C-alpha atoms as a PDB file:
ATOM      1  CA  MET A   1     -10.780 -17.568  -5.966  1.00  0.00           C
ATOM      2  CA  ASP A   2     -13.737 -15.852  -4.359  1.00  0.00           C
ATOM      3  CA  ARG A   3     -15.763 -19.054  -4.751  1.00  0.00           C
ATOM      4  CA  LEU A   4     -13.406 -20.702  -2.320  1.00  0.00           C
ATOM      5  CA  ALA A   5     -14.032 -18.207   0.471  1.00  0.00           C
ATOM      6  CA  PRO A   6     -16.805 -20.146   2.357  1.00  0.00           C
ATOM      7  CA  LEU A   7     -14.832 -23.409   2.336  1.00  0.00           C
ATOM      8  CA  TRP A   8     -11.623 -21.537   3.166  1.00  0.00           C
ATOM      9  CA  GLU A   9     -13.211 -20.036   6.307  1.00  0.00           C
ATOM     10  CA  ARG A  10     -14.708 -23.355   7.357  1.00  0.00           C
ATOM     11  CA  LEU A  11     -11.315 -25.049   7.149  1.00  0.00           C
ATOM     12  CA  LEU A  12      -9.717 -22.319   9.235  1.00  0.00           C
ATOM     13  CA  CYS A  13     -12.199 -23.091  11.993  1.00  0.00           C
ATOM     14  CA  ARG A  14     -10.873 -26.648  12.075  1.00  0.00           C
ATOM     15  CA  GLN A  15      -7.161 -25.972  12.542  1.00  0.00           C
ATOM     16  CA  THR A  16      -4.779 -23.699  14.421  1.00  0.00           C
ATOM     17  CA  HIS A  17      -3.743 -20.893  12.076  1.00  0.00           C
ATOM     18  CA  SER A  18      -2.306 -17.384  11.908  1.00  0.00           C
ATOM     19  CA  ILE A  19      -3.558 -14.274  10.127  1.00  0.00           C
ATOM     20  CA  PHE A  20      -1.445 -15.333   7.158  1.00  0.00           C
ATOM     21  CA  GLN A  21      -3.826 -18.177   6.387  1.00  0.00           C
ATOM     22  CA  ARG A  22      -6.910 -15.942   6.306  1.00  0.00           C
ATOM     23  CA  PHE A  23      -8.750 -15.693   3.020  1.00  0.00           C
ATOM     24  CA  SER A  24      -8.736 -11.950   3.114  1.00  0.00           C
ATOM     25  CA  TRP A  25      -4.908 -11.729   3.306  1.00  0.00           C
ATOM     26  CA  ASN A  26      -4.401 -14.323   0.568  1.00  0.00           C
ATOM     27  CA  ARG A  27      -6.982 -12.685  -1.684  1.00  0.00           C
ATOM     28  CA  LEU A  28      -5.286  -9.342  -1.287  1.00  0.00           C
ATOM     29  CA  ALA A  29      -1.870 -10.847  -2.019  1.00  0.00           C
ATOM     30  CA  ALA A  30      -3.201 -12.594  -5.135  1.00  0.00           C
ATOM     31  CA  ASP A  31      -4.426  -9.235  -6.389  1.00  0.00           C
ATOM     32  CA  MET A  32      -1.522  -7.038  -5.493  1.00  0.00           C
ATOM     33  CA  PHE A  33       1.303  -9.359  -6.513  1.00  0.00           C
ATOM     34  CA  ALA A  34      -0.282 -10.587  -9.768  1.00  0.00           C
ATOM     35  CA  ASP A  35       2.655  -9.143 -11.696  1.00  0.00           C
ATOM     36  CA  ARG A  36       5.088 -11.577 -10.123  1.00  0.00           C
ATOM     37  CA  LEU A  37       3.016 -14.541  -8.815  1.00  0.00           C
ATOM     38  CA  THR A  38       0.424 -16.488 -10.754  1.00  0.00           C
ATOM     39  CA  PRO A  39      -2.050 -18.045  -8.268  1.00  0.00           C
ATOM     40  CA  HIS A  40      -2.414 -21.810  -8.629  1.00  0.00           C
ATOM     41  CA  ILE A  41      -4.624 -22.738  -5.686  1.00  0.00           C
ATOM     42  CA  VAL A  42      -5.303 -26.434  -5.294  1.00  0.00           C
ATOM     43  CA  CYS A  43      -8.662 -27.305  -3.716  1.00  0.00           C
ATOM     44  CA  VAL A  44      -9.885 -30.836  -3.053  1.00  0.00           C
ATOM     45  CA  GLU A  45     -13.222 -31.480  -1.355  1.00  0.00           C
ATOM     46  CA  GLY A  46     -15.096 -34.729  -0.733  1.00  0.00           C
ATOM     47  CA  HIS A  47     -17.386 -36.444   1.729  1.00  0.00           C
ATOM     48  CA  SER A  48     -14.481 -37.291   3.974  1.00  0.00           C
ATOM     49  CA  GLY A  49     -12.735 -33.920   4.161  1.00  0.00           C
ATOM     50  CA  ALA A  50     -11.276 -30.967   2.294  1.00  0.00           C
ATOM     51  CA  ALA A  51      -7.927 -29.343   1.639  1.00  0.00           C
ATOM     52  CA  ILE A  52      -6.639 -26.129   0.129  1.00  0.00           C
ATOM     53  CA  ILE A  53      -3.045 -25.416  -0.874  1.00  0.00           C
ATOM     54  CA  PRO A  54      -2.774 -21.641  -1.524  1.00  0.00           C
ATOM     55  CA  ALA A  55      -0.031 -22.087  -4.082  1.00  0.00           C
ATOM     56  CA  ALA A  56       1.361 -19.690  -6.662  1.00  0.00           C
ATOM     57  CA  ILE A  57       3.945 -19.923  -9.432  1.00  0.00           C
ATOM     58  CA  ASN A  58       6.796 -17.420  -9.181  1.00  0.00           C
ATOM     59  CA  ARG A  59       7.259 -15.927 -12.644  1.00  0.00           C
ATOM     60  CA  ALA A  60      10.919 -15.134 -12.066  1.00  0.00           C
ATOM     61  CA  SER A  61      12.043 -18.529 -10.767  1.00  0.00           C
ATOM     62  CA  ASP A  62       9.289 -20.634 -12.334  1.00  0.00           C
ATOM     63  CA  GLY A  63       9.015 -22.451  -9.032  1.00  0.00           C
ATOM     64  CA  ILE A  64       6.028 -23.050  -6.747  1.00  0.00           C
ATOM     65  CA  GLU A  65       5.567 -21.163  -3.488  1.00  0.00           C
ATOM     66  CA  LEU A  66       2.595 -20.036  -1.413  1.00  0.00           C
ATOM     67  CA  LEU A  67       0.658 -16.807  -1.847  1.00  0.00           C
ATOM     68  CA  GLY A  68       1.952 -13.831   0.097  1.00  0.00           C
ATOM     69  CA  GLU A  69       5.259 -13.247  -1.664  1.00  0.00           C
ATOM     70  CA  THR A  70       7.877 -12.591   1.033  1.00  0.00           C
ATOM     71  CA  LEU A  71       5.454 -10.956   3.495  1.00  0.00           C
ATOM     72  CA  PHE A  72       3.766 -13.878   5.223  1.00  0.00           C
ATOM     73  CA  ASP A  73       5.883 -15.098   8.093  1.00  0.00           C
ATOM     74  CA  TYR A  74       3.977 -18.258   9.002  1.00  0.00           C
ATOM     75  CA  ARG A  75       2.858 -20.456   6.114  1.00  0.00           C
ATOM     76  CA  ASP A  76       0.500 -23.413   6.008  1.00  0.00           C
ATOM     77  CA  VAL A  77      -1.997 -25.395   4.000  1.00  0.00           C
ATOM     78  CA  LEU A  78      -5.609 -25.768   5.033  1.00  0.00           C
ATOM     79  CA  HIS A  79      -7.020 -29.201   5.828  1.00  0.00           C
ATOM     80  CA  ALA A  80      -9.772 -31.006   7.740  1.00  0.00           C
ATOM     81  CA  GLY A  81     -10.853 -34.675   7.678  1.00  0.00           C
ATOM     82  CA  ASP A  82      -9.301 -37.626   5.888  1.00  0.00           C
ATOM     83  CA  PRO A  83      -5.516 -37.276   5.340  1.00  0.00           C
ATOM     84  CA  GLU A  84      -6.017 -38.774   1.869  1.00  0.00           C
ATOM     85  CA  VAL A  85      -7.715 -35.554   0.770  1.00  0.00           C
ATOM     86  CA  LEU A  86      -4.628 -33.460   1.538  1.00  0.00           C
ATOM     87  CA  GLN A  87      -2.434 -36.118  -0.037  1.00  0.00           C
ATOM     88  CA  HIS A  88      -4.443 -35.888  -3.248  1.00  0.00           C
ATOM     89  CA  ALA A  89      -3.972 -32.098  -3.216  1.00  0.00           C
ATOM     90  CA  TRP A  90      -0.196 -32.578  -3.004  1.00  0.00           C
ATOM     91  CA  ARG A  91      -0.390 -34.984  -5.906  1.00  0.00           C
ATOM     92  CA  LEU A  92      -2.161 -32.354  -8.009  1.00  0.00           C
ATOM     93  CA  LEU A  93       0.425 -29.730  -7.105  1.00  0.00           C
ATOM     94  CA  ALA A  94       3.260 -32.069  -7.985  1.00  0.00           C
ATOM     95  CA  SER A  95       1.799 -32.486 -11.475  1.00  0.00           C
ATOM     96  CA  LEU A  96       3.091 -28.981 -12.257  1.00  0.00           C
ATOM     97  CA  GLN A  97       6.579 -30.519 -12.271  1.00  0.00           C
ATOM     98  CA  ARG A  98       8.216 -27.546 -10.610  1.00  0.00           C
ATOM     99  CA  PRO A  99      10.387 -27.097  -7.444  1.00  0.00           C
ATOM    100  CA  PHE A 100       8.580 -26.053  -4.272  1.00  0.00           C
ATOM    101  CA  HIS A 101       9.883 -23.479  -1.807  1.00  0.00           C
ATOM    102  CA  VAL A 102       8.218 -22.301   1.454  1.00  0.00           C
ATOM    103  CA  ILE A 103       9.495 -19.937   4.169  1.00  0.00           C
ATOM    104  CA  SER A 104       8.466 -20.413   6.948  1.00  0.00           C
ATOM    105  CA  ILE A 105       6.408 -23.075   8.763  1.00  0.00           C
ATOM    106  CA  GLY A 106       5.698 -23.199  12.484  1.00  0.00           C
ATOM    107  CA  ARG A 107       6.395 -26.259  14.610  1.00  0.00           C
ATOM    108  CA  ALA A 108       2.754 -27.375  15.002  1.00  0.00           C
ATOM    109  CA  ALA A 109       2.026 -27.026  11.288  1.00  0.00           C
ATOM    110  CA  ALA A 110       5.251 -28.895  10.361  1.00  0.00           C
ATOM    111  CA  ARG A 111       4.228 -31.762  12.591  1.00  0.00           C
ATOM    112  CA  GLU A 112       0.555 -31.916  11.603  1.00  0.00           C
ATOM    113  CA  ARG A 113       0.410 -31.121   7.895  1.00  0.00           C
ATOM    114  CA  TRP A 114       3.999 -31.221   6.568  1.00  0.00           C
ATOM    115  CA  SER A 115       5.290 -34.400   8.224  1.00  0.00           C
ATOM    116  CA  GLU A 116       6.422 -36.037   4.955  1.00  0.00           C
ATOM    117  CA  PHE A 117       8.458 -33.008   3.871  1.00  0.00           C
ATOM    118  CA  PRO A 118      12.063 -32.319   4.920  1.00  0.00           C
ATOM    119  CA  THR A 119      11.772 -29.233   7.142  1.00  0.00           C
ATOM    120  CA  PRO A 120      15.199 -27.991   8.160  1.00  0.00           C
ATOM    121  CA  PRO A 121      15.340 -25.162  10.693  1.00  0.00           C
ATOM    122  CA  PHE A 122      14.936 -21.654   9.300  1.00  0.00           C
ATOM    123  CA  ALA A 123      14.842 -19.218  12.230  1.00  0.00           C
ATOM    124  CA  MET A 124      13.388 -18.557  15.646  1.00  0.00           C
ATOM    125  CA  ALA A 125      10.616 -16.101  16.469  1.00  0.00           C
ATOM    126  CA  PRO A 126      11.127 -14.470  19.880  1.00  0.00           C
ATOM    127  CA  ARG A 127       8.066 -13.916  22.013  1.00  0.00           C
ATOM    128  CA  VAL A 128       6.879 -12.545  25.346  1.00  0.00           C
ATOM    129  CA  VAL A 129       4.363 -14.964  26.824  1.00  0.00           C
ATOM    130  CA  ARG A 130       2.181 -13.951  29.751  1.00  0.00           C
ATOM    131  CA  VAL A 131       4.006 -15.689  32.584  1.00  0.00           C
ATOM    132  CA  ARG A 132       4.500 -12.271  34.160  1.00  0.00           C
ATOM    133  CA  SER A 133       2.309  -9.234  34.591  1.00  0.00           C
ATOM    134  CA  GLU A 134       2.680  -5.871  32.975  1.00  0.00           C
ATOM    135  CA  ALA A 135       4.115  -4.547  36.230  1.00  0.00           C
ATOM    136  CA  ALA A 136       6.659  -7.350  36.454  1.00  0.00           C
ATOM    137  CA  PHE A 137       7.670  -6.833  32.840  1.00  0.00           C
ATOM    138  CA  ARG A 138       8.197  -3.111  33.423  1.00  0.00           C
ATOM    139  CA  GLN A 139      10.193  -3.801  36.575  1.00  0.00           C
ATOM    140  CA  ALA A 140      12.422  -6.305  34.731  1.00  0.00           C
ATOM    141  CA  HIS A 141      13.189  -3.716  32.042  1.00  0.00           C
ATOM    142  CA  SER A 142      13.199  -0.543  34.133  1.00  0.00           C
ATOM    143  CA  ARG A 143      16.097   0.960  32.081  1.00  0.00           C
ATOM    144  CA  LEU A 144      13.874   1.082  29.031  1.00  0.00           C
ATOM    145  CA  GLY A 145      11.177   2.689  31.130  1.00  0.00           C
ATOM    146  CA  ARG A 146      13.675   5.449  31.962  1.00  0.00           C
ATOM    147  CA  GLN A 147      14.459   5.708  28.264  1.00  0.00           C
ATOM    148  CA  ILE A 148      10.783   6.386  27.526  1.00  0.00           C
ATOM    149  CA  ARG A 149      10.817   9.095  30.216  1.00  0.00           C
ATOM    150  CA  ARG A 150      13.971  10.627  28.655  1.00  0.00           C
ATOM    151  CA  LEU A 151      12.154  10.791  25.332  1.00  0.00           C
ATOM    152  CA  GLN A 152       9.115  12.338  27.002  1.00  0.00           C
ATOM    153  CA  LYS A 153      11.311  15.084  28.397  1.00  0.00           C
ATOM    154  CA  GLN A 154      12.228  15.873  24.769  1.00  0.00           C
ATOM    155  CA  ARG A 155       8.499  16.345  24.122  1.00  0.00           C
ATOM    156  CA  VAL A 156       8.176  12.955  22.438  1.00  0.00           C
ATOM    157  CA  GLU A 157       4.800  11.324  23.002  1.00  0.00           C
ATOM    158  CA  VAL A 158       3.712   7.684  22.789  1.00  0.00           C
ATOM    159  CA  CYS A 159       0.674   7.505  20.460  1.00  0.00           C
ATOM    160  CA  THR A 160      -1.537   4.735  19.140  1.00  0.00           C
ATOM    161  CA  THR A 161      -3.915   4.541  16.179  1.00  0.00           C
ATOM    162  CA  SER A 162      -5.529   1.907  13.999  1.00  0.00           C
ATOM    163  CA  GLY A 163      -4.534   0.470  10.635  1.00  0.00           C
ATOM    164  CA  GLN A 164      -7.060   2.718   8.969  1.00  0.00           C
ATOM    165  CA  ASN A 165      -4.526   5.528   9.313  1.00  0.00           C
ATOM    166  CA  SER A 166      -3.032   4.844   5.883  1.00  0.00           C
ATOM    167  CA  GLY A 167      -1.065   8.088   5.861  1.00  0.00           C
ATOM    168  CA  LEU A 168       0.860   7.060   8.976  1.00  0.00           C
ATOM    169  CA  MET A 169       1.422   3.572   7.594  1.00  0.00           C
ATOM    170  CA  ARG A 170       2.995   5.045   4.469  1.00  0.00           C
ATOM    171  CA  ARG A 171       5.218   7.316   6.599  1.00  0.00           C
ATOM    172  CA  ILE A 172       6.483   4.293   8.533  1.00  0.00           C
ATOM    173  CA  TYR A 173       7.280   2.267   5.420  1.00  0.00           C
ATOM    174  CA  ASP A 174       8.636   5.261   3.507  1.00  0.00           C
ATOM    175  CA  GLY A 175      10.959   5.879   6.458  1.00  0.00           C
ATOM    176  CA  LYS A 176      12.038   2.282   6.593  1.00  0.00           C
ATOM    177  CA  ARG A 177      12.708   2.177   2.849  1.00  0.00           C
ATOM    178  CA  THR A 178      14.727   5.419   3.009  1.00  0.00           C
ATOM    179  CA  LEU A 179      16.696   4.118   5.957  1.00  0.00           C
ATOM    180  CA  PHE A 180      17.815   0.999   4.138  1.00  0.00           C
ATOM    181  CA  GLU A 181      18.425   2.828   0.880  1.00  0.00           C
ATOM    182  CA  SER A 182      20.773   5.274   2.596  1.00  0.00           C
ATOM    183  CA  GLY A 183      22.491   2.462   4.455  1.00  0.00           C
ATOM    184  CA  GLY A 184      23.083   0.331   1.365  1.00  0.00           C
ATOM    185  CA  SER A 185      21.400  -2.671   3.012  1.00  0.00           C
ATOM    186  CA  GLU A 186      18.864  -5.057   1.553  1.00  0.00           C
ATOM    187  CA  ASN A 187      15.391  -5.186   3.000  1.00  0.00           C
ATOM    188  CA  VAL A 188      12.075  -6.546   1.662  1.00  0.00           C
ATOM    189  CA  PHE A 189      10.517  -3.056   2.030  1.00  0.00           C
ATOM    190  CA  LEU A 190      12.842  -1.506  -0.521  1.00  0.00           C
ATOM    191  CA  ASP A 191      10.112  -2.823  -2.851  1.00  0.00           C
ATOM    192  CA  LEU A 192       7.376  -0.167  -2.965  1.00  0.00           C
ATOM    193  CA  LEU A 193       4.643  -2.706  -3.807  1.00  0.00           C
ATOM    194  CA  ARG A 194       5.351  -4.603  -0.605  1.00  0.00           C
ATOM    195  CA  CYS A 195       4.950  -1.388   1.336  1.00  0.00           C
ATOM    196  CA  GLU A 196       1.620  -0.715  -0.406  1.00  0.00           C
ATOM    197  CA  PHE A 197       0.487  -4.245   0.424  1.00  0.00           C
ATOM    198  CA  MET A 198       1.098  -3.576   4.129  1.00  0.00           C
ATOM    199  CA  VAL A 199      -0.817  -0.280   3.900  1.00  0.00           C
ATOM    200  CA  ALA A 200      -3.747  -2.126   2.320  1.00  0.00           C
ATOM    201  CA  ALA A 201      -3.579  -5.011   4.821  1.00  0.00           C
ATOM    202  CA  ALA A 202      -3.557  -2.635   7.748  1.00  0.00           C
ATOM    203  CA  ALA A 203      -6.568  -0.766   6.436  1.00  0.00           C
ATOM    204  CA  MET A 204      -8.361  -4.064   5.869  1.00  0.00           C
ATOM    205  CA  GLU A 205      -7.710  -5.118   9.481  1.00  0.00           C
ATOM    206  CA  GLY A 206      -8.762  -1.726  10.864  1.00  0.00           C
ATOM    207  CA  ASP A 207      -8.872  -1.777  14.658  1.00  0.00           C
ATOM    208  CA  GLU A 208      -7.201  -5.218  14.676  1.00  0.00           C
ATOM    209  CA  CYS A 209      -4.098  -3.464  13.420  1.00  0.00           C
ATOM    210  CA  GLU A 210      -2.637  -1.256  16.146  1.00  0.00           C
ATOM    211  CA  ILE A 211       0.145   1.224  15.274  1.00  0.00           C
ATOM    212  CA  TYR A 212       2.360   2.481  18.062  1.00  0.00           C
ATOM    213  CA  THR A 213       4.454   5.619  17.494  1.00  0.00           C
ATOM    214  CA  LEU A 214       6.837   7.960  19.188  1.00  0.00           C
ATOM    215  CA  GLN A 215       6.166  11.427  17.858  1.00  0.00           C
ATOM    216  CA  GLU A 216       7.688  14.813  18.494  1.00  0.00           C
ATOM    217  CA  GLN A 217       4.906  17.066  17.250  1.00  0.00           C
ATOM    218  CA  ASP A 218       4.674  16.123  13.546  1.00  0.00           C
ATOM    219  CA  ALA A 219       8.082  14.327  13.474  1.00  0.00           C
ATOM    220  CA  LEU A 220       7.961  10.517  13.466  1.00  0.00           C
ATOM    221  CA  VAL A 221      10.649   9.261  15.912  1.00  0.00           C
ATOM    222  CA  ALA A 222       9.693   5.563  15.821  1.00  0.00           C
ATOM    223  CA  GLY A 223       6.826   3.305  14.808  1.00  0.00           C
ATOM    224  CA  ILE A 224       5.670  -0.256  15.271  1.00  0.00           C
ATOM    225  CA  VAL A 225       2.957  -1.954  13.175  1.00  0.00           C
ATOM    226  CA  THR A 226       1.150  -4.773  15.010  1.00  0.00           C
ATOM    227  CA  PHE A 227      -1.746  -7.113  14.261  1.00  0.00           C
ATOM    228  CA  ASN A 228      -4.058  -8.785  16.748  1.00  0.00           C
ATOM    229  CA  ASP A 229      -4.260 -12.526  16.023  1.00  0.00           C
ATOM    230  CA  GLY A 230      -6.324 -14.488  18.550  1.00  0.00           C
ATOM    231  CA  ASP A 231      -4.595 -14.172  21.952  1.00  0.00           C
ATOM    232  CA  THR A 232      -1.369 -12.903  20.318  1.00  0.00           C
ATOM    233  CA  ARG A 233      -0.268  -9.509  19.060  1.00  0.00           C
ATOM    234  CA  ARG A 234       2.073  -9.855  16.076  1.00  0.00           C
ATOM    235  CA  PHE A 235       4.786  -7.169  16.039  1.00  0.00           C
ATOM    236  CA  TYR A 236       5.235  -6.996  12.306  1.00  0.00           C
ATOM    237  CA  THR A 237       7.368  -3.929  11.561  1.00  0.00           C
ATOM    238  CA  THR A 238       9.607  -1.709  13.684  1.00  0.00           C
ATOM    239  CA  TYR A 239      11.027   1.584  12.392  1.00  0.00           C
ATOM    240  CA  PHE A 240      13.075   4.357  14.033  1.00  0.00           C
ATOM    241  CA  ASN A 241      14.353   7.707  12.814  1.00  0.00           C
ATOM    242  CA  PRO A 242      18.170   7.539  12.763  1.00  0.00           C
ATOM    243  CA  GLU A 243      18.363  11.164  13.861  1.00  0.00           C
ATOM    244  CA  TRP A 244      17.087   9.983  17.253  1.00  0.00           C
ATOM    245  CA  ALA A 245      19.315   6.871  17.452  1.00  0.00           C
ATOM    246  CA  HIS A 246      21.048   8.190  20.597  1.00  0.00           C
ATOM    247  CA  TYR A 247      17.826   7.546  22.485  1.00  0.00           C
ATOM    248  CA  SER A 248      17.309   3.983  21.094  1.00  0.00           C
ATOM    249  CA  PRO A 249      13.655   4.923  20.220  1.00  0.00           C
ATOM    250  CA  GLY A 250      12.845   1.642  18.452  1.00  0.00           C
ATOM    251  CA  GLN A 251      13.890  -0.466  21.465  1.00  0.00           C
ATOM    252  CA  ALA A 252      12.120   1.911  23.851  1.00  0.00           C
ATOM    253  CA  LEU A 253       8.912   1.809  21.850  1.00  0.00           C
ATOM    254  CA  LEU A 254       9.038  -1.984  21.617  1.00  0.00           C
ATOM    255  CA  TYR A 255       9.251  -2.129  25.372  1.00  0.00           C
ATOM    256  CA  GLU A 256       6.295   0.270  25.880  1.00  0.00           C
ATOM    257  CA  ALA A 257       4.140  -1.461  23.279  1.00  0.00           C
ATOM    258  CA  SER A 258       4.931  -4.857  24.796  1.00  0.00           C
ATOM    259  CA  ALA A 259       4.032  -3.707  28.290  1.00  0.00           C
ATOM    260  CA  ARG A 260       0.706  -2.321  27.022  1.00  0.00           C
ATOM    261  CA  THR A 261       0.092  -5.556  25.130  1.00  0.00           C
ATOM    262  CA  LEU A 262       0.599  -7.652  28.266  1.00  0.00           C
ATOM    263  CA  ALA A 263      -1.818  -5.346  30.135  1.00  0.00           C
ATOM    264  CA  GLN A 264      -4.418  -6.098  27.416  1.00  0.00           C
ATOM    265  CA  GLU A 265      -3.800  -9.860  27.996  1.00  0.00           C
ATOM    266  CA  PHE A 266      -2.125 -10.589  24.654  1.00  0.00           C
ATOM    267  CA  ASP A 267       1.110 -12.479  24.148  1.00  0.00           C
ATOM    268  CA  CYS A 268       3.751 -10.620  22.130  1.00  0.00           C
ATOM    269  CA  ASP A 269       5.113 -12.261  18.970  1.00  0.00           C
ATOM    270  CA  TYR A 270       8.192 -10.430  17.700  1.00  0.00           C
ATOM    271  CA  MET A 271       8.131 -12.454  14.466  1.00  0.00           C
ATOM    272  CA  THR A 272      11.020 -13.977  12.501  1.00  0.00           C
ATOM    273  CA  GLY A 273      14.576 -13.284  13.537  1.00  0.00           C
ATOM    274  CA  GLU A 274      16.586 -13.457  16.776  1.00  0.00           C
ATOM    275  CA  TYR A 275      17.791  -9.852  16.778  1.00  0.00           C
ATOM    276  CA  PRO A 276      19.317  -8.414  19.960  1.00  0.00           C
ATOM    277  CA  TYR A 277      16.589  -5.765  20.413  1.00  0.00           C
ATOM    278  CA  LYS A 278      13.988  -8.573  20.428  1.00  0.00           C
ATOM    279  CA  LEU A 279      15.950 -10.984  22.620  1.00  0.00           C
ATOM    280  CA  ARG A 280      16.441  -8.270  25.233  1.00  0.00           C
ATOM    281  CA  LEU A 281      12.704  -8.424  26.023  1.00  0.00           C
ATOM    282  CA  ALA A 282      11.672 -11.959  24.974  1.00  0.00           C
ATOM    283  CA  ASN A 283      11.111 -14.784  27.463  1.00  0.00           C
ATOM    284  CA  ALA A 284      10.404 -17.526  24.846  1.00  0.00           C
ATOM    285  CA  SER A 285      11.026 -18.335  21.186  1.00  0.00           C
ATOM    286  CA  HIS A 286       9.083 -20.260  18.575  1.00  0.00           C
ATOM    287  CA  PRO A 287      11.009 -22.451  16.054  1.00  0.00           C
ATOM    288  CA  LEU A 288      10.339 -21.967  12.356  1.00  0.00           C
ATOM    289  CA  PHE A 289      11.192 -24.271   9.457  1.00  0.00           C
ATOM    290  CA  ARG A 290      11.599 -24.132   5.690  1.00  0.00           C
ATOM    291  CA  VAL A 291      10.760 -26.386   2.736  1.00  0.00           C
ATOM    292  CA  ASP A 292      12.973 -26.615  -0.350  1.00  0.00           C
ATOM    293  CA  VAL A 293      12.254 -29.593  -2.621  1.00  0.00           C
ATOM    294  CA  SER A 294      12.846 -30.252  -6.285  1.00  0.00           C
ATOM    295  CA  ALA A 295      10.064 -31.171  -8.694  1.00  0.00           C
ATOM    296  CA  GLU A 296      11.178 -34.848  -8.453  1.00  0.00           C
ATOM    297  CA  GLN A 297      11.216 -34.706  -4.644  1.00  0.00           C
ATOM    298  CA  LEU A 298       7.741 -33.166  -4.545  1.00  0.00           C
ATOM    299  CA  ALA A 299       6.432 -35.903  -6.838  1.00  0.00           C
ATOM    300  CA  GLY A 300       8.026 -38.567  -4.666  1.00  0.00           C
ATOM    301  CA  ILE A 301       6.567 -37.090  -1.469  1.00  0.00           C
ATOM    302  CA  ALA A 302       3.101 -36.947  -3.053  1.00  0.00           C
ATOM    303  CA  LYS A 303       3.251 -40.572  -4.104  1.00  0.00           C
ATOM    304  CA  GLN A 304       4.675 -41.649  -0.777  1.00  0.00           C
ATOM    305  CA  ARG A 305       1.894 -39.913   1.114  1.00  0.00           C
ATOM    306  CA  ILE A 306      -0.768 -41.646  -0.946  1.00  0.00           C
ATOM    307  CA  THR A 307       0.918 -45.037  -0.695  1.00  0.00           C
ATOM    308  CA  THR A 308       1.361 -44.665   3.099  1.00  0.00           C
ATOM    309  CA  THR A 309      -2.318 -43.833   3.543  1.00  0.00           C
ATOM    310  CA  ALA A 310      -3.486 -46.716   1.314  1.00  0.00           C
ATOM    311  CA  ALA A 311      -1.408 -49.164   3.319  1.00  0.00           C
END
């Protein structure tokens, strides 16, 4: 896989992408989830273009998906040049004769590189885009500003640190896992390996991972893990201590982190899921789509793409 790194990075320069297409993230995922996903990356390169499909075979389902297990919100293939090159890559992937499952694909990617696939809606990703200033945002959500001040009167401080603070990352994900275990709910972070992946990814990103917390001395009241991605800050994980639920610390911290993000001239991406605590602050949403095709459908799509190009 390491031999693909230079081509991988060149292709990323030729298309709009998210952090989830970066080689570093995919390389880390291939390593850490090797017990459940067997990488099967398809790479086609020629004089007229190049394509990479960062595929993997799920050992439990025996189906094809993309690297990243359940942790990459926005999926895509990499491609530049002649569409026939990407079509040939799909043909090679279809030769595995397995079903193909992808969650989730953004609107631009679905239109530009997945147009032959059925892409039913999956979810929306709420956002705060910079049509208003930090001051206007704070004024529009002044009640949450008062909530922050209430917390500060309880000696709770707003703190920030980088992804290199692995101890804090583990505290956030340990707390999130404990919260869902005690509540009997299902959550992807009940899986300890997924938590460890996020700790490793945050350390890898360093200063490009910003962790916001509410802390009362050594007690963690709430935490948000974010990643800088171009002109957007991805709000990846939100956690709050249920003992402080009366103060809505998760919502209050999301407000404060969003206001600071706007001041730094980033858009806020609250990621997958139209939850009330996100919608309360969002002023836009980004549609996401899914792909679920059988082995026969994938083979038919691959042939259709090649036939269409040849015509």
